[in-house]
C-alpha atoms as a PDB file:
ATOM      1  CA  MET A   1       7.392  23.312 -11.364  1.00  0.00           C
ATOM      2  CA  LYS A   2      10.477  25.275 -10.298  1.00  0.00           C
ATOM      3  CA  ASP A   3      11.437  25.115  -6.632  1.00  0.00           C
ATOM      4  CA  GLN A   4      11.522  28.866  -6.188  1.00  0.00           C
ATOM      5  CA  PHE A   5      11.584  32.194  -7.794  1.00  0.00           C
ATOM      6  CA  LYS A   6      12.999  35.242  -6.115  1.00  0.00           C
ATOM      7  CA  GLU A   7      11.218  35.367  -2.645  1.00  0.00           C
ATOM      8  CA  SER A   8       8.636  32.718  -3.556  1.00  0.00           C
ATOM      9  CA  ASN A   9       9.393  29.142  -2.297  1.00  0.00           C
ATOM     10  CA  TYR A  10       6.978  27.019  -4.535  1.00  0.00           C
ATOM     11  CA  VAL A  11       7.877  23.755  -2.825  1.00  0.00           C
ATOM     12  CA  LYS A  12       6.825  25.149   0.493  1.00  0.00           C
ATOM     13  CA  ILE A  13       3.643  26.611  -0.921  1.00  0.00           C
ATOM     14  CA  VAL A  14       2.696  23.259  -2.410  1.00  0.00           C
ATOM     15  CA  GLN A  15       3.634  21.378   0.779  1.00  0.00           C
ATOM     16  CA  ASP A  16       1.400  23.728   2.804  1.00  0.00           C
ATOM     17  CA  ILE A  17      -1.503  23.162   0.340  1.00  0.00           C
ATOM     18  CA  ILE A  18      -1.011  19.432   0.201  1.00  0.00           C
ATOM     19  CA  PRO A  19       0.411  18.168   3.506  1.00  0.00           C
ATOM     20  CA  GLU A  20      -0.241  14.566   2.281  1.00  0.00           C
ATOM     21  CA  LEU A  21       2.958  14.836   0.231  1.00  0.00           C
ATOM     22  CA  HIS A  22       5.083  14.133   3.278  1.00  0.00           C
ATOM     23  CA  SER A  23       3.531  10.604   3.731  1.00  0.00           C
ATOM     24  CA  ASN A  24       3.335   9.702   0.039  1.00  0.00           C
ATOM     25  CA  LYS A  25       5.364   6.605  -0.855  1.00  0.00           C
ATOM     26  CA  ASN A  26       5.121   6.915  -4.627  1.00  0.00           C
ATOM     27  CA  PRO A  27       5.931  10.238  -6.333  1.00  0.00           C
ATOM     28  CA  LEU A  28       4.737   8.745  -9.638  1.00  0.00           C
ATOM     29  CA  ASP A  29       1.247   8.290  -8.284  1.00  0.00           C
ATOM     30  CA  LEU A  30       0.050  10.580  -5.428  1.00  0.00           C
ATOM     31  CA  GLY A  31      -3.072   8.524  -4.964  1.00  0.00           C
ATOM     32  CA  LYS A  32      -6.375  10.274  -4.161  1.00  0.00           C
ATOM     33  CA  ILE A  33      -5.814  13.576  -2.520  1.00  0.00           C
ATOM     34  CA  LYS A  34      -9.192  14.928  -1.335  1.00  0.00           C
ATOM     35  CA  GLU A  35      -8.827  18.417  -2.587  1.00  0.00           C
ATOM     36  CA  PHE A  36      -6.970  17.391  -5.734  1.00  0.00           C
ATOM     37  CA  PRO A  37      -8.460  14.007  -6.846  1.00  0.00           C
ATOM     38  CA  ASN A  38      -6.982  14.206 -10.386  1.00  0.00           C
ATOM     39  CA  LEU A  39      -3.424  15.152  -9.309  1.00  0.00           C
ATOM     40  CA  LYS A  40      -1.116  12.151 -10.086  1.00  0.00           C
ATOM     41  CA  ASN A  41       2.340  13.611  -9.709  1.00  0.00           C
ATOM     42  CA  ILE A  42       4.415  16.743  -9.285  1.00  0.00           C
ATOM     43  CA  VAL A  43       7.466  17.213 -11.420  1.00  0.00           C
ATOM     44  CA  LEU A  44      10.152  19.431  -9.879  1.00  0.00           C
ATOM     45  CA  ILE A  45      12.531  21.324 -12.165  1.00  0.00           C
ATOM     46  CA  SER A  46      15.423  21.363  -9.588  1.00  0.00           C
ATOM     47  CA  ASP A  47      18.313  19.279  -8.277  1.00  0.00           C
ATOM     48  CA  LYS A  48      16.618  19.194  -4.955  1.00  0.00           C
ATOM     49  CA  LYS A  49      15.134  15.891  -3.693  1.00  0.00           C
ATOM     50  CA  VAL A  50      11.606  16.637  -2.230  1.00  0.00           C
ATOM     51  CA  HIS A  51       9.522  13.899  -0.769  1.00  0.00           C
ATOM     52  CA  GLY A  52       6.366  13.296  -2.865  1.00  0.00           C
ATOM     53  CA  MET A  53       7.771  15.001  -5.978  1.00  0.00           C
ATOM     54  CA  ILE A  54       9.864  13.591  -8.864  1.00  0.00           C
ATOM     55  CA  ASN A  55      12.770  15.474 -10.337  1.00  0.00           C
ATOM     56  CA  PHE A  56      12.575  16.314 -14.051  1.00  0.00           C
ATOM     57  CA  LYS A  57      15.945  14.657 -14.977  1.00  0.00           C
ATOM     58  CA  ASP A  58      14.742  11.402 -13.142  1.00  0.00           C
ATOM     59  CA  LEU A  59      11.994  11.087 -15.698  1.00  0.00           C
ATOM     60  CA  TYR A  60      14.484   9.773 -18.221  1.00  0.00           C
ATOM     61  CA  SER A  61      15.197   6.757 -15.984  1.00  0.00           C
ATOM     62  CA  LEU A  62      11.489   5.792 -16.223  1.00  0.00           C
ATOM     63  CA  TYR A  63      11.467   5.425 -19.974  1.00  0.00           C
ATOM     64  CA  ASN A  64      11.412   2.003 -21.604  1.00  0.00           C
ATOM     65  CA  SER A  65      10.837   0.757 -25.248  1.00  0.00           C
ATOM     66  CA  SER A  66       7.077   0.116 -24.646  1.00  0.00           C
ATOM     67  CA  ASP A  67       6.641   3.746 -23.895  1.00  0.00           C
ATOM     68  CA  GLU A  68       7.988   4.599 -27.292  1.00  0.00           C
ATOM     69  CA  LEU A  69       5.563   2.248 -28.988  1.00  0.00           C
ATOM     70  CA  GLU A  70       2.665   3.804 -26.946  1.00  0.00           C
ATOM     71  CA  MET A  71       3.798   7.352 -27.955  1.00  0.00           C
ATOM     72  CA  ILE A  72       3.811   6.408 -31.653  1.00  0.00           C
ATOM     73  CA  GLU A  73       0.264   4.970 -31.325  1.00  0.00           C
ATOM     74  CA  ARG A  74      -0.945   8.038 -29.551  1.00  0.00           C
ATOM     75  CA  GLU A  75       0.616  10.324 -32.162  1.00  0.00           C
ATOM     76  CA  LYS A  76      -1.516   8.687 -34.905  1.00  0.00           C
ATOM     77  CA  HIS A  77      -4.692   9.989 -33.115  1.00  0.00           C
ATOM     78  CA  ILE A  78      -3.468  13.590 -32.537  1.00  0.00           C
ATOM     79  CA  ASN A  79      -4.794  16.321 -34.817  1.00  0.00           C
ATOM     80  CA  PHE A  80      -2.895  19.594 -35.148  1.00  0.00           C
ATOM     81  CA  GLU A  81      -5.961  21.480 -33.954  1.00  0.00           C
ATOM     82  CA  ASP A  82      -6.122  19.481 -30.633  1.00  0.00           C
ATOM     83  CA  ALA A  83      -5.455  21.240 -27.420  1.00  0.00           C
ATOM     84  CA  THR A  84      -2.251  19.587 -26.207  1.00  0.00           C
ATOM     85  CA  ASN A  85      -1.122  21.971 -23.550  1.00  0.00           C
ATOM     86  CA  ILE A  86      -2.808  23.516 -20.576  1.00  0.00           C
END
């Protein structure tokens, strides 16, 4: 998500909705948040460092060669008619 747009501060909005972000130790796995049990992480498209969120450009540092092999295997099972974006 973007950090803000015009007068809207999206980071503050999310922090207000999910106060547990302040105490989260791992932005790659937010754990079980009662109101959002399937939420695993929040990617921030910004240079700001925000506790509980990971910056988009930091995602590159998480990549390793096993990820590429996993991606190749997953691509074999994707059909062009599958819903891939929400």
